[in-house]
Full PDB file with SEQRES, HELIX, SHEET, SSBOND, CRYST1, ORIGX, SCALE, CONECT and MASTER records, all heavy atoms in Angstrom:
SEQRES   1 A   37  ARG ALA SER GLY THR ASN ASP LYS ALA GLY SER ALA GLN          
SEQRES   2 A   37  ASN LEU LEU ARG TRP ILE SER PRO ARG MET ILE LYS GLU          
SEQRES   3 A   37  THR PHE VAL THR PRO THR ASP TYR ARG TYR PRO                  
HELIX    1 AA1 ALA A   12  LEU A   15  1                                   4    
HELIX    2 AA2 LEU A   16  TRP A   18  5                                   3    
CRYST1    1.000    1.000    1.000  90.00  90.00  90.00 P 1           1          
ORIGX1      1.000000  0.000000  0.000000        0.00000                         
ORIGX2      0.000000  1.000000  0.000000        0.00000                         
ORIGX3      0.000000  0.000000  1.000000        0.00000                         
SCALE1      1.000000  0.000000  0.000000        0.00000                         
SCALE2      0.000000  1.000000  0.000000        0.00000                         
SCALE3      0.000000  0.000000  1.000000        0.00000                         
ATOM      1  N   ARG A   1     -11.623  94.137 -60.001  1.00  0.00           N  
ATOM      2  CA  ARG A   1     -12.716  93.994 -59.020  1.00  0.00           C  
ATOM      3  C   ARG A   1     -12.678  92.606 -58.443  1.00  0.00           C  
ATOM      4  O   ARG A   1     -11.611  92.097 -58.091  1.00  0.00           O  
ATOM      5  CB  ARG A   1     -14.050  94.402 -59.614  1.00  0.00           C  
ATOM      6  CG  ARG A   1     -14.128  95.897 -59.975  1.00  0.00           C  
ATOM      7  CD  ARG A   1     -15.485  96.282 -60.542  1.00  0.00           C  
ATOM      8  NE  ARG A   1     -15.573  97.706 -60.823  1.00  0.00           N  
ATOM      9  CZ  ARG A   1     -16.575  98.279 -61.521  1.00  0.00           C  
ATOM     10  NH1 ARG A   1     -17.581  97.545 -61.974  1.00  0.00           N  
ATOM     11  NH2 ARG A   1     -16.543  99.569 -61.734  1.00  0.00           N  
ATOM     12  N   ALA A   2     -13.810  91.909 -58.411  1.00  0.00           N  
ATOM     13  CA  ALA A   2     -13.840  90.543 -57.835  1.00  0.00           C  
ATOM     14  C   ALA A   2     -13.389  89.498 -58.796  1.00  0.00           C  
ATOM     15  O   ALA A   2     -13.412  88.297 -58.537  1.00  0.00           O  
ATOM     16  CB  ALA A   2     -15.253  90.240 -57.315  1.00  0.00           C  
ATOM     17  N   SER A   3     -12.923  89.912 -59.971  1.00  0.00           N  
ATOM     18  CA  SER A   3     -12.517  88.969 -61.035  1.00  0.00           C  
ATOM     19  C   SER A   3     -11.033  88.636 -60.965  1.00  0.00           C  
ATOM     20  O   SER A   3     -10.544  87.810 -61.743  1.00  0.00           O  
ATOM     21  CB  SER A   3     -12.847  89.518 -62.389  1.00  0.00           C  
ATOM     22  OG  SER A   3     -14.227  89.515 -62.640  1.00  0.00           O  
ATOM     23  N   GLY A   4     -10.274  89.265 -60.071  1.00  0.00           N  
ATOM     24  CA  GLY A   4      -8.892  88.903 -59.948  1.00  0.00           C  
ATOM     25  C   GLY A   4      -7.949  90.065 -59.877  1.00  0.00           C  
ATOM     26  O   GLY A   4      -8.350  91.238 -59.759  1.00  0.00           O  
ATOM     27  N   THR A   5      -6.649  89.718 -59.955  1.00  0.00           N  
ATOM     28  CA  THR A   5      -5.602  90.725 -59.804  1.00  0.00           C  
ATOM     29  C   THR A   5      -5.208  91.366 -61.143  1.00  0.00           C  
ATOM     30  O   THR A   5      -4.346  92.266 -61.183  1.00  0.00           O  
ATOM     31  CB  THR A   5      -4.350  90.080 -59.216  1.00  0.00           C  
ATOM     32  OG1 THR A   5      -3.906  88.973 -59.981  1.00  0.00           O  
ATOM     33  CG2 THR A   5      -4.654  89.583 -57.773  1.00  0.00           C  
ATOM     34  N   ASN A   6      -5.827  90.912 -62.220  1.00  0.00           N  
ATOM     35  CA  ASN A   6      -5.595  91.481 -63.571  1.00  0.00           C  
ATOM     36  C   ASN A   6      -4.101  91.492 -63.951  1.00  0.00           C  
ATOM     37  O   ASN A   6      -3.606  92.499 -64.455  1.00  0.00           O  
ATOM     38  CB  ASN A   6      -6.145  92.913 -63.619  1.00  0.00           C  
ATOM     39  CG  ASN A   6      -6.431  93.331 -65.068  1.00  0.00           C  
ATOM     40  OD1 ASN A   6      -6.548  92.497 -65.986  1.00  0.00           O  
ATOM     41  ND2 ASN A   6      -6.563  94.657 -65.311  1.00  0.00           N  
ATOM     42  N   ASP A   7      -3.462  90.408 -63.746  1.00  0.00           N  
ATOM     43  CA  ASP A   7      -2.052  90.268 -64.106  1.00  0.00           C  
ATOM     44  C   ASP A   7      -1.805  89.725 -65.493  1.00  0.00           C  
ATOM     45  O   ASP A   7      -0.679  89.394 -65.855  1.00  0.00           O  
ATOM     46  CB  ASP A   7      -1.279  89.461 -63.068  1.00  0.00           C  
ATOM     47  CG  ASP A   7      -1.061  90.199 -61.772  1.00  0.00           C  
ATOM     48  OD1 ASP A   7      -0.308  91.200 -61.795  1.00  0.00           O  
ATOM     49  OD2 ASP A   7      -1.674  89.806 -60.715  1.00  0.00           O  
ATOM     50  N   LYS A   8      -2.844  89.635 -66.244  1.00  0.00           N  
ATOM     51  CA  LYS A   8      -2.796  89.421 -67.675  1.00  0.00           C  
ATOM     52  C   LYS A   8      -2.015  88.182 -68.148  1.00  0.00           C  
ATOM     53  O   LYS A   8      -0.891  88.278 -68.636  1.00  0.00           O  
ATOM     54  CB  LYS A   8      -2.287  90.665 -68.414  1.00  0.00           C  
ATOM     55  CG  LYS A   8      -3.192  91.878 -68.289  1.00  0.00           C  
ATOM     56  CD  LYS A   8      -4.547  91.612 -68.886  1.00  0.00           C  
ATOM     57  CE  LYS A   8      -5.414  92.896 -68.843  1.00  0.00           C  
ATOM     58  NZ  LYS A   8      -6.826  92.564 -69.180  1.00  0.00           N  
ATOM     59  N   ALA A   9      -2.660  87.016 -67.999  1.00  0.00           N  
ATOM     60  CA  ALA A   9      -2.080  85.793 -68.553  1.00  0.00           C  
ATOM     61  C   ALA A   9      -1.909  85.980 -70.085  1.00  0.00           C  
ATOM     62  O   ALA A   9      -2.711  86.671 -70.711  1.00  0.00           O  
ATOM     63  CB  ALA A   9      -3.025  84.618 -68.335  1.00  0.00           C  
ATOM     64  N   GLY A  10      -0.814  85.468 -70.605  1.00  0.00           N  
ATOM     65  CA  GLY A  10      -0.530  85.643 -72.043  1.00  0.00           C  
ATOM     66  C   GLY A  10       0.159  86.952 -72.333  1.00  0.00           C  
ATOM     67  O   GLY A  10       0.037  87.526 -73.371  1.00  0.00           O  
ATOM     68  N   SER A  11       0.938  87.445 -71.295  1.00  0.00           N  
ATOM     69  CA  SER A  11       1.689  88.702 -71.501  1.00  0.00           C  
ATOM     70  C   SER A  11       2.911  88.689 -70.627  1.00  0.00           C  
ATOM     71  O   SER A  11       2.980  87.911 -69.669  1.00  0.00           O  
ATOM     72  CB  SER A  11       0.813  89.928 -71.172  1.00  0.00           C  
ATOM     73  OG  SER A  11       0.652  90.036 -69.768  1.00  0.00           O  
ATOM     74  N   ALA A  12       3.771  89.621 -70.867  1.00  0.00           N  
ATOM     75  CA  ALA A  12       5.001  89.800 -69.978  1.00  0.00           C  
ATOM     76  C   ALA A  12       4.599  90.241 -68.607  1.00  0.00           C  
ATOM     77  O   ALA A  12       5.322  89.933 -67.628  1.00  0.00           O  
ATOM     78  CB  ALA A  12       5.977  90.777 -70.630  1.00  0.00           C  
ATOM     79  N   GLN A  13       3.453  90.931 -68.432  1.00  0.00           N  
ATOM     80  CA  GLN A  13       3.078  91.423 -67.136  1.00  0.00           C  
ATOM     81  C   GLN A  13       2.911  90.246 -66.134  1.00  0.00           C  
ATOM     82  O   GLN A  13       3.286  90.367 -64.986  1.00  0.00           O  
ATOM     83  CB  GLN A  13       1.730  92.150 -67.189  1.00  0.00           C  
ATOM     84  CG  GLN A  13       1.793  93.524 -67.861  1.00  0.00           C  
ATOM     85  CD  GLN A  13       1.082  93.514 -69.151  1.00  0.00           C  
ATOM     86  OE1 GLN A  13       1.415  92.672 -70.034  1.00  0.00           O  
ATOM     87  NE2 GLN A  13       0.209  94.457 -69.396  1.00  0.00           N  
ATOM     88  N   ASN A  14       2.412  89.161 -66.631  1.00  0.00           N  
ATOM     89  CA  ASN A  14       2.244  87.988 -65.715  1.00  0.00           C  
ATOM     90  C   ASN A  14       3.630  87.404 -65.338  1.00  0.00           C  
ATOM     91  O   ASN A  14       3.838  87.099 -64.152  1.00  0.00           O  
ATOM     92  CB  ASN A  14       1.398  86.895 -66.431  1.00  0.00           C  
ATOM     93  CG  ASN A  14       1.063  85.793 -65.468  1.00  0.00           C  
ATOM     94  OD1 ASN A  14       1.836  84.881 -65.268  1.00  0.00           O  
ATOM     95  ND2 ASN A  14      -0.128  85.774 -64.877  1.00  0.00           N  
ATOM     96  N   LEU A  15       4.522  87.286 -66.285  1.00  0.00           N  
ATOM     97  CA  LEU A  15       5.833  86.687 -65.973  1.00  0.00           C  
ATOM     98  C   LEU A  15       6.633  87.583 -64.993  1.00  0.00           C  
ATOM     99  O   LEU A  15       7.415  87.040 -64.173  1.00  0.00           O  
ATOM    100  CB  LEU A  15       6.642  86.518 -67.226  1.00  0.00           C  
ATOM    101  CG  LEU A  15       6.094  85.544 -68.302  1.00  0.00           C  
ATOM    102  CD1 LEU A  15       7.139  85.265 -69.334  1.00  0.00           C  
ATOM    103  CD2 LEU A  15       5.616  84.233 -67.631  1.00  0.00           C  
ATOM    104  N   LEU A  16       6.402  88.876 -65.043  1.00  0.00           N  
ATOM    105  CA  LEU A  16       7.120  89.791 -64.119  1.00  0.00           C  
ATOM    106  C   LEU A  16       6.769  89.514 -62.667  1.00  0.00           C  
ATOM    107  O   LEU A  16       7.517  89.857 -61.757  1.00  0.00           O  
ATOM    108  CB  LEU A  16       6.775  91.255 -64.455  1.00  0.00           C  
ATOM    109  CG  LEU A  16       7.445  91.836 -65.674  1.00  0.00           C  
ATOM    110  CD1 LEU A  16       6.777  93.156 -66.103  1.00  0.00           C  
ATOM    111  CD2 LEU A  16       8.935  92.056 -65.428  1.00  0.00           C  
ATOM    112  N   ARG A  17       5.622  88.859 -62.433  1.00  0.00           N  
ATOM    113  CA  ARG A  17       5.201  88.560 -61.053  1.00  0.00           C  
ATOM    114  C   ARG A  17       6.018  87.395 -60.479  1.00  0.00           C  
ATOM    115  O   ARG A  17       6.027  87.211 -59.274  1.00  0.00           O  
ATOM    116  CB  ARG A  17       3.675  88.204 -61.020  1.00  0.00           C  
ATOM    117  CG  ARG A  17       2.812  89.318 -61.552  1.00  0.00           C  
ATOM    118  CD  ARG A  17       2.725  90.430 -60.566  1.00  0.00           C  
ATOM    119  NE  ARG A  17       1.896  90.084 -59.433  1.00  0.00           N  
ATOM    120  CZ  ARG A  17       2.065  90.505 -58.188  1.00  0.00           C  
ATOM    121  NH1 ARG A  17       3.062  91.323 -57.869  1.00  0.00           N  
ATOM    122  NH2 ARG A  17       1.202  90.155 -57.222  1.00  0.00           N  
ATOM    123  N   TRP A  18       6.715  86.668 -61.314  1.00  0.00           N  
ATOM    124  CA  TRP A  18       7.403  85.456 -60.842  1.00  0.00           C  
ATOM    125  C   TRP A  18       8.928  85.641 -60.848  1.00  0.00           C  
ATOM    126  O   TRP A  18       9.670  84.669 -60.831  1.00  0.00           O  
ATOM    127  CB  TRP A  18       6.983  84.265 -61.716  1.00  0.00           C  
ATOM    128  CG  TRP A  18       5.490  84.166 -61.807  1.00  0.00           C  
ATOM    129  CD1 TRP A  18       4.744  84.233 -62.952  1.00  0.00           C  
ATOM    130  CD2 TRP A  18       4.584  84.060 -60.720  1.00  0.00           C  
ATOM    131  NE1 TRP A  18       3.441  84.201 -62.639  1.00  0.00           N  
ATOM    132  CE2 TRP A  18       3.287  84.062 -61.251  1.00  0.00           C  
ATOM    133  CE3 TRP A  18       4.709  83.993 -59.339  1.00  0.00           C  
ATOM    134  CZ2 TRP A  18       2.100  83.984 -60.473  1.00  0.00           C  
ATOM    135  CZ3 TRP A  18       3.638  83.863 -58.558  1.00  0.00           C  
ATOM    136  CH2 TRP A  18       2.292  83.882 -59.113  1.00  0.00           C  
ATOM    137  N   ILE A  19       9.373  86.880 -60.833  1.00  0.00           N  
ATOM    138  CA  ILE A  19      10.787  87.159 -60.731  1.00  0.00           C  
ATOM    139  C   ILE A  19      11.018  88.220 -59.676  1.00  0.00           C  
ATOM    140  O   ILE A  19      10.125  89.034 -59.359  1.00  0.00           O  
ATOM    141  CB  ILE A  19      11.386  87.624 -62.085  1.00  0.00           C  
ATOM    142  CG1 ILE A  19      10.569  88.776 -62.681  1.00  0.00           C  
ATOM    143  CG2 ILE A  19      11.518  86.449 -63.051  1.00  0.00           C  
ATOM    144  CD1 ILE A  19      11.112  89.281 -63.973  1.00  0.00           C  
ATOM    145  N   SER A  20      12.245  88.226 -59.151  1.00  0.00           N  
ATOM    146  CA  SER A  20      12.622  89.196 -58.124  1.00  0.00           C  
ATOM    147  C   SER A  20      13.915  89.848 -58.632  1.00  0.00           C  
ATOM    148  O   SER A  20      14.990  89.289 -58.516  1.00  0.00           O  
ATOM    149  CB  SER A  20      12.837  88.516 -56.778  1.00  0.00           C  
ATOM    150  OG  SER A  20      13.245  89.460 -55.794  1.00  0.00           O  
ATOM    151  N   PRO A  21      13.847  91.053 -59.212  1.00  0.00           N  
ATOM    152  CA  PRO A  21      15.025  91.674 -59.807  1.00  0.00           C  
ATOM    153  C   PRO A  21      16.133  92.022 -58.823  1.00  0.00           C  
ATOM    154  O   PRO A  21      15.841  92.434 -57.679  1.00  0.00           O  
ATOM    155  CB  PRO A  21      14.499  92.962 -60.462  1.00  0.00           C  
ATOM    156  CG  PRO A  21      13.024  92.766 -60.547  1.00  0.00           C  
ATOM    157  CD  PRO A  21      12.638  91.898 -59.365  1.00  0.00           C  
ATOM    158  N   ARG A  22      17.344  91.734 -59.176  1.00  0.00           N  
ATOM    159  CA  ARG A  22      18.484  92.235 -58.370  1.00  0.00           C  
ATOM    160  C   ARG A  22      19.316  93.191 -59.247  1.00  0.00           C  
ATOM    161  O   ARG A  22      19.746  92.819 -60.315  1.00  0.00           O  
ATOM    162  CB  ARG A  22      19.352  91.007 -57.931  1.00  0.00           C  
ATOM    163  CG  ARG A  22      20.597  91.499 -57.200  1.00  0.00           C  
ATOM    164  CD  ARG A  22      21.332  90.347 -56.482  1.00  0.00           C  
ATOM    165  NE  ARG A  22      22.023  89.489 -57.405  1.00  0.00           N  
ATOM    166  CZ  ARG A  22      23.175  88.854 -57.057  1.00  0.00           C  
ATOM    167  NH1 ARG A  22      23.669  88.980 -55.823  1.00  0.00           N  
ATOM    168  NH2 ARG A  22      23.760  88.062 -57.948  1.00  0.00           N  
ATOM    169  N   MET A  23      19.538  94.364 -58.753  1.00  0.00           N  
ATOM    170  CA  MET A  23      20.358  95.365 -59.478  1.00  0.00           C  
ATOM    171  C   MET A  23      21.799  95.158 -59.079  1.00  0.00           C  
ATOM    172  O   MET A  23      22.112  95.084 -57.886  1.00  0.00           O  
ATOM    173  CB  MET A  23      19.864  96.733 -59.139  1.00  0.00           C  
ATOM    174  CG  MET A  23      20.451  97.837 -60.029  1.00  0.00           C  
ATOM    175  SD  MET A  23      22.046  98.351 -59.465  1.00  0.00           S  
ATOM    176  CE  MET A  23      22.748  98.942 -60.973  1.00  0.00           C  
ATOM    177  N   ILE A  24      22.690  95.109 -60.066  1.00  0.00           N  
ATOM    178  CA  ILE A  24      24.142  94.935 -59.807  1.00  0.00           C  
ATOM    179  C   ILE A  24      24.888  96.116 -60.493  1.00  0.00           C  
ATOM    180  O   ILE A  24      24.690  96.345 -61.663  1.00  0.00           O  
ATOM    181  CB  ILE A  24      24.656  93.605 -60.373  1.00  0.00           C  
ATOM    182  CG1 ILE A  24      23.932  92.423 -59.743  1.00  0.00           C  
ATOM    183  CG2 ILE A  24      26.183  93.471 -60.160  1.00  0.00           C  
ATOM    184  CD1 ILE A  24      24.256  91.066 -60.390  1.00  0.00           C  
ATOM    185  N   LYS A  25      25.625  96.816 -59.665  1.00  0.00           N  
ATOM    186  CA  LYS A  25      26.474  97.886 -60.190  1.00  0.00           C  
ATOM    187  C   LYS A  25      27.948  97.509 -60.009  1.00  0.00           C  
ATOM    188  O   LYS A  25      28.342  97.143 -58.915  1.00  0.00           O  
ATOM    189  CB  LYS A  25      26.213  99.220 -59.427  1.00  0.00           C  
ATOM    190  CG  LYS A  25      27.141 100.336 -59.858  1.00  0.00           C  
ATOM    191  CD  LYS A  25      27.001 101.568 -58.992  1.00  0.00           C  
ATOM    192  CE  LYS A  25      27.997 102.619 -59.343  1.00  0.00           C  
ATOM    193  NZ  LYS A  25      27.936 103.847 -58.448  1.00  0.00           N  
ATOM    194  N   GLU A  26      28.670  97.573 -61.065  1.00  0.00           N  
ATOM    195  CA  GLU A  26      30.089  97.268 -61.018  1.00  0.00           C  
ATOM    196  C   GLU A  26      30.882  98.556 -61.404  1.00  0.00           C  
ATOM    197  O   GLU A  26      30.757  99.062 -62.510  1.00  0.00           O  
ATOM    198  CB  GLU A  26      30.459  96.150 -61.979  1.00  0.00           C  
ATOM    199  CG  GLU A  26      31.936  95.818 -61.989  1.00  0.00           C  
ATOM    200  CD  GLU A  26      32.293  94.683 -62.911  1.00  0.00           C  
ATOM    201  OE1 GLU A  26      31.380  94.054 -63.436  1.00  0.00           O  
ATOM    202  OE2 GLU A  26      33.535  94.447 -63.082  1.00  0.00           O  
ATOM    203  N   THR A  27      31.643  99.080 -60.396  1.00  0.00           N  
ATOM    204  CA  THR A  27      32.411 100.286 -60.619  1.00  0.00           C  
ATOM    205  C   THR A  27      33.787  99.884 -61.134  1.00  0.00           C  
ATOM    206  O   THR A  27      34.455  98.981 -60.574  1.00  0.00           O  
ATOM    207  CB  THR A  27      32.535 101.095 -59.298  1.00  0.00           C  
ATOM    208  OG1 THR A  27      31.237 101.490 -58.916  1.00  0.00           O  
ATOM    209  CG2 THR A  27      33.431 102.288 -59.522  1.00  0.00           C  
ATOM    210  N   PHE A  28      34.276 100.538 -62.188  1.00  0.00           N  
ATOM    211  CA  PHE A  28      35.514 100.137 -62.866  1.00  0.00           C  
ATOM    212  C   PHE A  28      36.745 100.682 -62.170  1.00  0.00           C  
ATOM    213  O   PHE A  28      37.782 100.019 -62.001  1.00  0.00           O  
ATOM    214  CB  PHE A  28      35.510 100.514 -64.318  1.00  0.00           C  
ATOM    215  CG  PHE A  28      34.416  99.839 -65.051  1.00  0.00           C  
ATOM    216  CD1 PHE A  28      33.547 100.554 -65.937  1.00  0.00           C  
ATOM    217  CD2 PHE A  28      34.208  98.472 -64.980  1.00  0.00           C  
ATOM    218  CE1 PHE A  28      32.572  99.904 -66.620  1.00  0.00           C  
ATOM    219  CE2 PHE A  28      33.234  97.834 -65.686  1.00  0.00           C  
ATOM    220  CZ  PHE A  28      32.423  98.533 -66.501  1.00  0.00           C  
ATOM    221  N   VAL A  29      36.707 101.978 -61.746  1.00  0.00           N  
ATOM    222  CA  VAL A  29      37.802 102.572 -60.998  1.00  0.00           C  
ATOM    223  C   VAL A  29      37.265 103.096 -59.652  1.00  0.00           C  
ATOM    224  O   VAL A  29      36.533 104.059 -59.655  1.00  0.00           O  
ATOM    225  CB  VAL A  29      38.443 103.741 -61.800  1.00  0.00           C  
ATOM    226  CG1 VAL A  29      39.576 104.419 -61.021  1.00  0.00           C  
ATOM    227  CG2 VAL A  29      38.922 103.269 -63.150  1.00  0.00           C  
ATOM    228  N   THR A  30      37.560 102.401 -58.652  1.00  0.00           N  
ATOM    229  CA  THR A  30      36.962 102.635 -57.329  1.00  0.00           C  
ATOM    230  C   THR A  30      37.695 103.751 -56.625  1.00  0.00           C  
ATOM    231  O   THR A  30      38.950 103.794 -56.566  1.00  0.00           O  
ATOM    232  CB  THR A  30      37.034 101.347 -56.472  1.00  0.00           C  
ATOM    233  OG1 THR A  30      36.417 100.310 -57.185  1.00  0.00           O  
ATOM    234  CG2 THR A  30      36.334 101.573 -55.127  1.00  0.00           C  
ATOM    235  N   PRO A  31      36.976 104.749 -56.045  1.00  0.00           N  
ATOM    236  CA  PRO A  31      37.587 105.891 -55.359  1.00  0.00           C  
ATOM    237  C   PRO A  31      38.453 105.389 -54.157  1.00  0.00           C  
ATOM    238  O   PRO A  31      38.162 104.349 -53.545  1.00  0.00           O  
ATOM    239  CB  PRO A  31      36.423 106.674 -54.873  1.00  0.00           C  
ATOM    240  CG  PRO A  31      35.292 106.334 -55.761  1.00  0.00           C  
ATOM    241  CD  PRO A  31      35.527 104.890 -56.080  1.00  0.00           C  
ATOM    242  N   THR A  32      39.501 106.134 -53.879  1.00  0.00           N  
ATOM    243  CA  THR A  32      40.361 105.822 -52.746  1.00  0.00           C  
ATOM    244  C   THR A  32      40.424 106.979 -51.768  1.00  0.00           C  
ATOM    245  O   THR A  32      41.191 106.907 -50.777  1.00  0.00           O  
ATOM    246  CB  THR A  32      41.846 105.558 -53.255  1.00  0.00           C  
ATOM    247  OG1 THR A  32      42.276 106.656 -54.029  1.00  0.00           O  
ATOM    248  CG2 THR A  32      41.809 104.313 -54.138  1.00  0.00           C  
ATOM    249  N   ASP A  33      39.602 108.029 -51.980  1.00  0.00           N  
ATOM    250  CA  ASP A  33      39.547 109.199 -51.077  1.00  0.00           C  
ATOM    251  C   ASP A  33      38.119 109.568 -50.848  1.00  0.00           C  
ATOM    252  O   ASP A  33      37.363 109.727 -51.814  1.00  0.00           O  
ATOM    253  CB  ASP A  33      40.338 110.353 -51.712  1.00  0.00           C  
ATOM    254  CG  ASP A  33      40.485 111.517 -50.752  1.00  0.00           C  
ATOM    255  OD1 ASP A  33      39.757 111.630 -49.749  1.00  0.00           O  
ATOM    256  OD2 ASP A  33      41.368 112.395 -51.030  1.00  0.00           O  
ATOM    257  N   TYR A  34      37.708 109.691 -49.597  1.00  0.00           N  
ATOM    258  CA  TYR A  34      36.332 109.991 -49.285  1.00  0.00           C  
ATOM    259  C   TYR A  34      35.933 111.385 -49.635  1.00  0.00           C  
ATOM    260  O   TYR A  34      34.746 111.719 -49.736  1.00  0.00           O  
ATOM    261  CB  TYR A  34      36.004 109.699 -47.818  1.00  0.00           C  
ATOM    262  CG  TYR A  34      36.397 110.829 -46.879  1.00  0.00           C  
ATOM    263  CD1 TYR A  34      35.490 111.850 -46.578  1.00  0.00           C  
ATOM    264  CD2 TYR A  34      37.632 110.889 -46.303  1.00  0.00           C  
ATOM    265  CE1 TYR A  34      35.845 112.919 -45.752  1.00  0.00           C  
ATOM    266  CE2 TYR A  34      38.004 111.918 -45.434  1.00  0.00           C  
ATOM    267  CZ  TYR A  34      37.094 112.919 -45.172  1.00  0.00           C  
ATOM    268  OH  TYR A  34      37.452 113.952 -44.324  1.00  0.00           O  
ATOM    269  N   ARG A  35      36.918 112.314 -49.827  1.00  0.00           N  
ATOM    270  CA  ARG A  35      36.636 113.722 -49.965  1.00  0.00           C  
ATOM    271  C   ARG A  35      36.066 114.068 -51.330  1.00  0.00           C  
ATOM    272  O   ARG A  35      36.578 113.684 -52.342  1.00  0.00           O  
ATOM    273  CB  ARG A  35      37.940 114.566 -49.761  1.00  0.00           C  
ATOM    274  CG  ARG A  35      38.508 114.401 -48.350  1.00  0.00           C  
ATOM    275  CD  ARG A  35      39.923 115.014 -48.232  1.00  0.00           C  
ATOM    276  NE  ARG A  35      40.443 114.832 -46.909  1.00  0.00           N  
ATOM    277  CZ  ARG A  35      41.116 113.716 -46.529  1.00  0.00           C  
ATOM    278  NH1 ARG A  35      41.273 112.759 -47.409  1.00  0.00           N  
ATOM    279  NH2 ARG A  35      41.564 113.611 -45.304  1.00  0.00           N  
ATOM    280  N   TYR A  36      34.927 114.822 -51.286  1.00  0.00           N  
ATOM    281  CA  TYR A  36      34.334 115.378 -52.528  1.00  0.00           C  
ATOM    282  C   TYR A  36      34.859 116.764 -52.800  1.00  0.00           C  
ATOM    283  O   TYR A  36      35.336 117.429 -51.868  1.00  0.00           O  
ATOM    284  CB  TYR A  36      32.792 115.406 -52.325  1.00  0.00           C  
ATOM    285  CG  TYR A  36      32.131 114.043 -52.195  1.00  0.00           C  
ATOM    286  CD1 TYR A  36      31.706 113.605 -50.961  1.00  0.00           C  
ATOM    287  CD2 TYR A  36      31.895 113.283 -53.328  1.00  0.00           C  
ATOM    288  CE1 TYR A  36      31.154 112.347 -50.820  1.00  0.00           C  
ATOM    289  CE2 TYR A  36      31.284 112.056 -53.227  1.00  0.00           C  
ATOM    290  CZ  TYR A  36      30.942 111.589 -51.977  1.00  0.00           C  
ATOM    291  OH  TYR A  36      30.343 110.344 -51.812  1.00  0.00           O  
ATOM    292  N   PRO A  37      34.808 117.187 -54.024  1.00  0.00           N  
ATOM    293  CA  PRO A  37      35.348 118.528 -54.374  1.00  0.00           C  
ATOM    294  C   PRO A  37      34.795 119.645 -53.574  1.00  0.00           C  
ATOM    295  O   PRO A  37      35.477 120.672 -53.291  1.00  0.00           O  
ATOM    296  CB  PRO A  37      35.028 118.662 -55.849  1.00  0.00           C  
ATOM    297  CG  PRO A  37      34.993 117.275 -56.362  1.00  0.00           C  
ATOM    298  CD  PRO A  37      34.402 116.470 -55.228  1.00  0.00           C  
TER     299      PRO A  37                                                      
MASTER        0    0    0    2    0    0    0    6  298    1    0    3          
END                                                                             
């Protein structure tokens, strides 16, 4: 309510607000043909 955003100081929830996740996918054997079965 008017008491704030409730991001819970003293918890991981608060720290999550100060990061911006980047997802990285690394494919080991990359396809060479666009055709699907």
